[in-house]
Structures are given as structure tokens and as C-alpha cells.
Amino acid sequence: MTVNERIKQVRASLNLSQINFSRGIHLSNGYYANMELGNKKANERIIELISSVYGVNKNWLVSGEGKMFSREPDKRLEELIINFNSLNRHFQDFLLDQIKGLVKIQNNKETK
């Protein structure tokens, strides 16, 4: 099995469409679709992104050895990443500020 075939297997096991999977790793859907077809190669950056975003064991992705996932995928985190990546830069910055504010509020409540 090739790296590209393993990437497709990851996407299928996460039950994500090509569009949503490619958004999560900042690739155009066209490039990603061609990658699944074997027309484009998965470079080191793409492999790193898939590993970090979707919790995939990098060794498995490259060589097929070991378990597919290095950690259990967190569906909420995946959904957050996909939606975040679909926002324009202005809204991404706004959302990050909101999250930082919520963390600050939570930390203040926990210290009281």
C-alpha cells in the first residue's frame, strides 16, 4: 500500500469527505483528490499535517508499520479545525481572541 492509499484509508476511517479532510490540512480539494488518485505526492509537510491534525502515526503513514493512529481522534477537535480553516483570516483572528478570553474566564473561576 502506498502513502497516498494510506492517507485515503485515514480519511475513510475518520468518515470525512475529501473536502472536509483537505480543509483540515490546508489543501485545495483538487490537489487532495489528485493525491488520492496517485497523481500528486504527499510531501513531508502534508504528512506532518495529517499526523498532527488527525492524530495519525507518522511511521504508519510513511511505512505502513505500527498502528494507524497515535492517539484516538477527537471528533470535536477535528470539527473545530475544519470549521476554523473554512473561515477567512479576519474571522479566524476573531475566534482566537474569543477562545483566549474564554480560557482566561475559566482560569479565573478555577482559582477562586
N, C-alpha and C. Protein backbone atom coordinates (compact mmCIF):
# COMPACT_ATOMS: atom_id res chain seq x y z
N MET A 1 0.85 -1.18 0.00
CA MET A 1 0.00 0.00 0.00
C MET A 1 0.90 1.25 0.00
N THR A 2 0.54 2.24 -0.79
CA THR A 2 1.34 3.47 -0.88
C THR A 2 0.93 4.46 0.20
N VAL A 3 1.73 5.50 0.37
CA VAL A 3 1.41 6.57 1.31
C VAL A 3 0.06 7.17 0.94
N ASN A 4 -0.15 7.42 -0.35
CA ASN A 4 -1.41 8.02 -0.79
C ASN A 4 -2.61 7.12 -0.46
N GLU A 5 -2.44 5.82 -0.61
CA GLU A 5 -3.52 4.89 -0.27
C GLU A 5 -3.77 4.89 1.24
N ARG A 6 -2.71 5.00 2.03
CA ARG A 6 -2.89 5.06 3.49
C ARG A 6 -3.59 6.35 3.90
N ILE A 7 -3.27 7.45 3.22
CA ILE A 7 -3.95 8.71 3.51
C ILE A 7 -5.44 8.58 3.23
N LYS A 8 -5.78 7.96 2.12
CA LYS A 8 -7.19 7.73 1.79
C LYS A 8 -7.85 6.85 2.86
N GLN A 9 -7.12 5.86 3.33
CA GLN A 9 -7.63 4.97 4.38
C GLN A 9 -7.90 5.75 5.67
N VAL A 10 -7.01 6.68 6.01
CA VAL A 10 -7.21 7.52 7.19
C VAL A 10 -8.50 8.32 7.04
N ARG A 11 -8.66 8.96 5.90
CA ARG A 11 -9.85 9.78 5.65
C ARG A 11 -11.11 8.94 5.78
N ALA A 12 -11.09 7.75 5.19
CA ALA A 12 -12.25 6.87 5.25
C ALA A 12 -12.53 6.43 6.68
N SER A 13 -11.49 6.13 7.44
CA SER A 13 -11.70 5.68 8.82
C SER A 13 -12.24 6.80 9.71
N LEU A 14 -11.94 8.04 9.34
CA LEU A 14 -12.47 9.19 10.08
C LEU A 14 -13.86 9.59 9.59
N ASN A 15 -14.30 8.93 8.53
CA ASN A 15 -15.61 9.19 7.95
C ASN A 15 -15.75 10.65 7.49
N LEU A 16 -14.68 11.17 6.87
CA LEU A 16 -14.69 12.55 6.38
C LEU A 16 -14.73 12.56 4.86
N SER A 17 -15.38 13.56 4.32
CA SER A 17 -15.36 13.75 2.87
C SER A 17 -13.98 14.26 2.46
N GLN A 18 -13.68 14.17 1.17
CA GLN A 18 -12.42 14.72 0.68
C GLN A 18 -12.33 16.21 0.99
N ILE A 19 -13.43 16.91 0.84
CA ILE A 19 -13.44 18.36 1.07
C ILE A 19 -13.09 18.67 2.52
N ASN A 20 -13.77 18.02 3.46
CA ASN A 20 -13.52 18.30 4.87
C ASN A 20 -12.13 17.86 5.31
N PHE A 21 -11.68 16.73 4.82
CA PHE A 21 -10.33 16.26 5.17
C PHE A 21 -9.28 17.22 4.64
N SER A 22 -9.43 17.65 3.40
CA SER A 22 -8.44 18.55 2.80
C SER A 22 -8.44 19.92 3.47
N ARG A 23 -9.59 20.38 3.90
CA ARG A 23 -9.65 21.66 4.63
C ARG A 23 -8.85 21.59 5.92
N GLY A 24 -8.96 20.46 6.60
CA GLY A 24 -8.26 20.29 7.86
C GLY A 24 -6.74 20.37 7.74
N ILE A 25 -6.23 20.08 6.55
CA ILE A 25 -4.78 20.12 6.35
C ILE A 25 -4.37 21.21 5.36
N HIS A 26 -5.26 22.15 5.12
CA HIS A 26 -4.97 23.33 4.29
C HIS A 26 -4.58 22.99 2.86
N LEU A 27 -5.26 22.03 2.26
CA LEU A 27 -5.02 21.69 0.86
C LEU A 27 -6.27 21.99 0.05
N SER A 28 -6.09 22.35 -1.20
CA SER A 28 -7.26 22.51 -2.07
C SER A 28 -7.85 21.12 -2.29
N ASN A 29 -9.15 21.08 -2.50
CA ASN A 29 -9.80 19.80 -2.72
C ASN A 29 -9.25 19.13 -3.98
N GLY A 30 -8.96 19.92 -5.01
CA GLY A 30 -8.43 19.37 -6.24
C GLY A 30 -7.09 18.68 -6.05
N TYR A 31 -6.21 19.34 -5.31
CA TYR A 31 -4.89 18.76 -5.04
C TYR A 31 -5.05 17.47 -4.25
N TYR A 32 -5.92 17.53 -3.22
CA TYR A 32 -6.11 16.34 -2.39
C TYR A 32 -6.70 15.19 -3.20
N ALA A 33 -7.69 15.48 -4.03
CA ALA A 33 -8.31 14.43 -4.85
C ALA A 33 -7.26 13.78 -5.75
N ASN A 34 -6.40 14.59 -6.35
CA ASN A 34 -5.32 14.06 -7.19
C ASN A 34 -4.32 13.24 -6.38
N MET A 35 -4.15 13.61 -5.13
CA MET A 35 -3.25 12.85 -4.27
C MET A 35 -3.84 11.46 -4.02
N GLU A 36 -5.13 11.40 -3.73
CA GLU A 36 -5.76 10.10 -3.52
C GLU A 36 -5.69 9.23 -4.77
N LEU A 37 -5.77 9.86 -5.93
CA LEU A 37 -5.68 9.13 -7.19
C LEU A 37 -4.25 8.72 -7.54
N GLY A 38 -3.29 9.24 -6.79
CA GLY A 38 -1.89 8.91 -7.05
C GLY A 38 -1.22 9.83 -8.05
N ASN A 39 -1.91 10.90 -8.45
CA ASN A 39 -1.35 11.85 -9.41
C ASN A 39 -0.45 12.89 -8.75
N LYS A 40 -0.58 13.07 -7.46
CA LYS A 40 0.24 14.01 -6.69
C LYS A 40 0.85 13.26 -5.51
N LYS A 41 2.05 13.68 -5.12
CA LYS A 41 2.72 13.04 -3.98
C LYS A 41 2.40 13.79 -2.70
N ALA A 42 2.38 13.05 -1.62
CA ALA A 42 2.23 13.65 -0.30
C ALA A 42 3.63 14.02 0.19
N ASN A 43 3.90 15.32 0.27
CA ASN A 43 5.23 15.74 0.72
C ASN A 43 5.31 15.70 2.25
N GLU A 44 6.48 16.01 2.78
CA GLU A 44 6.72 15.95 4.23
C GLU A 44 5.77 16.85 5.00
N ARG A 45 5.49 18.04 4.47
CA ARG A 45 4.58 18.98 5.15
C ARG A 45 3.19 18.38 5.26
N ILE A 46 2.70 17.77 4.20
CA ILE A 46 1.37 17.17 4.22
C ILE A 46 1.33 16.01 5.21
N ILE A 47 2.36 15.20 5.22
CA ILE A 47 2.42 14.07 6.16
C ILE A 47 2.43 14.58 7.60
N GLU A 48 3.20 15.62 7.87
CA GLU A 48 3.24 16.22 9.22
C GLU A 48 1.87 16.75 9.61
N LEU A 49 1.20 17.45 8.70
CA LEU A 49 -0.13 18.00 9.00
C LEU A 49 -1.13 16.89 9.29
N ILE A 50 -1.16 15.86 8.48
CA ILE A 50 -2.09 14.76 8.71
C ILE A 50 -1.81 14.12 10.06
N SER A 51 -0.55 13.94 10.37
CA SER A 51 -0.17 13.35 11.65
C SER A 51 -0.63 14.21 12.82
N SER A 52 -0.36 15.51 12.76
CA SER A 52 -0.69 16.37 13.90
C SER A 52 -2.18 16.69 13.98
N VAL A 53 -2.81 16.95 12.86
CA VAL A 53 -4.23 17.34 12.88
C VAL A 53 -5.13 16.16 13.21
N TYR A 54 -4.86 15.01 12.61
CA TYR A 54 -5.76 13.87 12.76
C TYR A 54 -5.23 12.78 13.69
N GLY A 55 -4.08 13.01 14.33
CA GLY A 55 -3.55 12.05 15.30
C GLY A 55 -3.06 10.76 14.67
N VAL A 56 -2.58 10.85 13.44
CA VAL A 56 -2.12 9.67 12.72
C VAL A 56 -0.66 9.40 13.06
N ASN A 57 -0.34 8.14 13.24
CA ASN A 57 1.03 7.70 13.49
C ASN A 57 1.83 7.96 12.21
N LYS A 58 2.79 8.86 12.29
CA LYS A 58 3.59 9.23 11.11
C LYS A 58 4.32 8.03 10.54
N ASN A 59 4.85 7.17 11.39
CA ASN A 59 5.55 5.98 10.92
C ASN A 59 4.62 5.08 10.11
N TRP A 60 3.39 4.91 10.58
CA TRP A 60 2.42 4.11 9.84
C TRP A 60 2.12 4.75 8.50
N LEU A 61 1.95 6.06 8.49
CA LEU A 61 1.62 6.77 7.26
C LEU A 61 2.71 6.59 6.21
N VAL A 62 3.96 6.65 6.63
CA VAL A 62 5.09 6.56 5.70
C VAL A 62 5.40 5.12 5.30
N SER A 63 5.39 4.22 6.30
CA SER A 63 5.87 2.85 6.03
C SER A 63 4.80 1.77 6.13
N GLY A 64 3.68 2.10 6.77
CA GLY A 64 2.65 1.09 6.99
C GLY A 64 2.88 0.26 8.24
N GLU A 65 3.91 0.59 9.01
CA GLU A 65 4.23 -0.16 10.23
C GLU A 65 3.61 0.50 11.45
N GLY A 66 3.11 -0.33 12.36
CA GLY A 66 2.51 0.17 13.58
C GLY A 66 1.01 0.41 13.42
N LYS A 67 0.45 1.12 14.37
CA LYS A 67 -0.98 1.42 14.36
C LYS A 67 -1.24 2.68 13.55
N MET A 68 -2.44 2.76 12.99
CA MET A 68 -2.81 3.92 12.18
C MET A 68 -2.80 5.20 13.01
N PHE A 69 -3.38 5.15 14.18
CA PHE A 69 -3.49 6.36 15.00
C PHE A 69 -2.53 6.32 16.17
N SER A 70 -1.89 7.46 16.40
CA SER A 70 -1.01 7.59 17.56
C SER A 70 -1.81 7.98 18.79
N ARG A 71 -2.99 8.48 18.57
CA ARG A 71 -3.93 8.80 19.65
C ARG A 71 -5.32 8.67 19.07
N GLU A 72 -6.28 8.53 19.94
CA GLU A 72 -7.66 8.44 19.47
C GLU A 72 -8.08 9.79 18.90
N PRO A 73 -8.67 9.80 17.73
CA PRO A 73 -9.10 11.08 17.15
C PRO A 73 -10.19 11.73 18.00
N ASP A 74 -10.07 13.01 18.20
CA ASP A 74 -11.07 13.78 18.94
C ASP A 74 -11.97 14.44 17.91
N LYS A 75 -13.19 13.94 17.79
CA LYS A 75 -14.12 14.42 16.76
C LYS A 75 -14.41 15.91 16.92
N ARG A 76 -14.48 16.39 18.17
CA ARG A 76 -14.75 17.82 18.38
C ARG A 76 -13.60 18.67 17.88
N LEU A 77 -12.37 18.21 18.12
CA LEU A 77 -11.20 18.93 17.64
C LEU A 77 -11.14 18.93 16.12
N GLU A 78 -11.44 17.79 15.52
CA GLU A 78 -11.47 17.72 14.05
C GLU A 78 -12.49 18.70 13.48
N GLU A 79 -13.69 18.73 14.09
CA GLU A 79 -14.74 19.63 13.62
C GLU A 79 -14.30 21.08 13.78
N LEU A 80 -13.67 21.40 14.90
CA LEU A 80 -13.18 22.75 15.14
C LEU A 80 -12.14 23.15 14.09
N ILE A 81 -11.20 22.28 13.81
CA ILE A 81 -10.16 22.58 12.83
C ILE A 81 -10.74 22.78 11.44
N ILE A 82 -11.64 21.91 11.05
CA ILE A 82 -12.25 22.02 9.72
C ILE A 82 -13.01 23.33 9.59
N ASN A 83 -13.81 23.66 10.60
CA ASN A 83 -14.58 24.90 10.55
C ASN A 83 -13.68 26.12 10.63
N PHE A 84 -12.66 26.07 11.48
CA PHE A 84 -11.71 27.18 11.59
C PHE A 84 -11.03 27.45 10.26
N ASN A 85 -10.61 26.40 9.59
CA ASN A 85 -9.91 26.55 8.31
C ASN A 85 -10.82 27.05 7.20
N SER A 86 -12.12 26.93 7.37
CA SER A 86 -13.04 27.42 6.34
C SER A 86 -13.34 28.91 6.51
N LEU A 87 -12.91 29.50 7.64
CA LEU A 87 -13.12 30.93 7.89
C LEU A 87 -12.03 31.75 7.21
N ASN A 88 -12.38 33.02 6.89
CA ASN A 88 -11.34 33.90 6.37
C ASN A 88 -10.46 34.36 7.54
N ARG A 89 -9.33 34.98 7.21
CA ARG A 89 -8.32 35.35 8.22
C ARG A 89 -8.91 36.25 9.32
N HIS A 90 -9.75 37.18 8.94
CA HIS A 90 -10.36 38.11 9.91
C HIS A 90 -11.16 37.34 10.96
N PHE A 91 -12.00 36.41 10.51
CA PHE A 91 -12.81 35.65 11.45
C PHE A 91 -11.97 34.65 12.25
N GLN A 92 -10.90 34.13 11.66
CA GLN A 92 -10.00 33.26 12.42
C GLN A 92 -9.38 34.02 13.58
N ASP A 93 -8.91 35.25 13.31
CA ASP A 93 -8.32 36.07 14.37
C ASP A 93 -9.35 36.38 15.45
N PHE A 94 -10.57 36.70 15.03
CA PHE A 94 -11.64 36.99 15.98
C PHE A 94 -11.91 35.78 16.87
N LEU A 95 -12.01 34.61 16.25
CA LEU A 95 -12.28 33.39 17.00
C LEU A 95 -11.16 33.08 18.00
N LEU A 96 -9.92 33.26 17.59
CA LEU A 96 -8.80 33.04 18.51
C LEU A 96 -8.87 33.97 19.71
N ASP A 97 -9.22 35.23 19.48
CA ASP A 97 -9.37 36.17 20.59
C ASP A 97 -10.48 35.73 21.54
N GLN A 98 -11.59 35.24 20.98
CA GLN A 98 -12.70 34.77 21.81
C GLN A 98 -12.29 33.57 22.65
N ILE A 99 -11.57 32.65 22.05
CA ILE A 99 -11.12 31.46 22.78
C ILE A 99 -10.18 31.86 23.92
N LYS A 100 -9.25 32.76 23.63
CA LYS A 100 -8.33 33.23 24.68
C LYS A 100 -9.11 33.87 25.83
N GLY A 101 -10.13 34.64 25.50
CA GLY A 101 -10.96 35.27 26.52
C GLY A 101 -11.68 34.23 27.37
N LEU A 102 -12.23 33.21 26.73
CA LEU A 102 -12.92 32.15 27.46
C LEU A 102 -11.98 31.38 28.38
N VAL A 103 -10.78 31.11 27.91
CA VAL A 103 -9.78 30.41 28.74
C VAL A 103 -9.44 31.25 29.96
N LYS A 104 -9.30 32.55 29.75
CA LYS A 104 -8.98 33.46 30.86
C LYS A 104 -10.11 33.45 31.90
N ILE A 105 -11.35 33.52 31.43
CA ILE A 105 -12.50 33.48 32.34
C ILE A 105 -12.52 32.16 33.10
N GLN A 106 -12.32 31.07 32.40
CA GLN A 106 -12.31 29.75 33.04
C GLN A 106 -11.21 29.65 34.08
N ASN A 107 -10.02 30.12 33.76
CA ASN A 107 -8.91 30.06 34.70
C ASN A 107 -9.16 30.92 35.93
N ASN A 108 -9.80 32.06 35.75
CA ASN A 108 -10.13 32.93 36.89
C ASN A 108 -11.14 32.25 37.81
N LYS A 109 -12.13 31.56 37.25
CA LYS A 109 -13.14 30.87 38.05
C LYS A 109 -12.53 29.69 38.80
N GLU A 110 -11.56 29.02 38.18
CA GLU A 110 -10.94 27.85 38.81
C GLU A 110 -10.03 28.23 39.97
N THR A 111 -9.49 29.44 39.96
CA THR A 111 -8.58 29.86 41.02
C THR A 111 -9.31 30.44 42.21
N LYS A 112 -10.60 30.66 42.09
CA LYS A 112 -11.38 31.23 43.21
C LYS A 112 -11.94 30.16 44.09
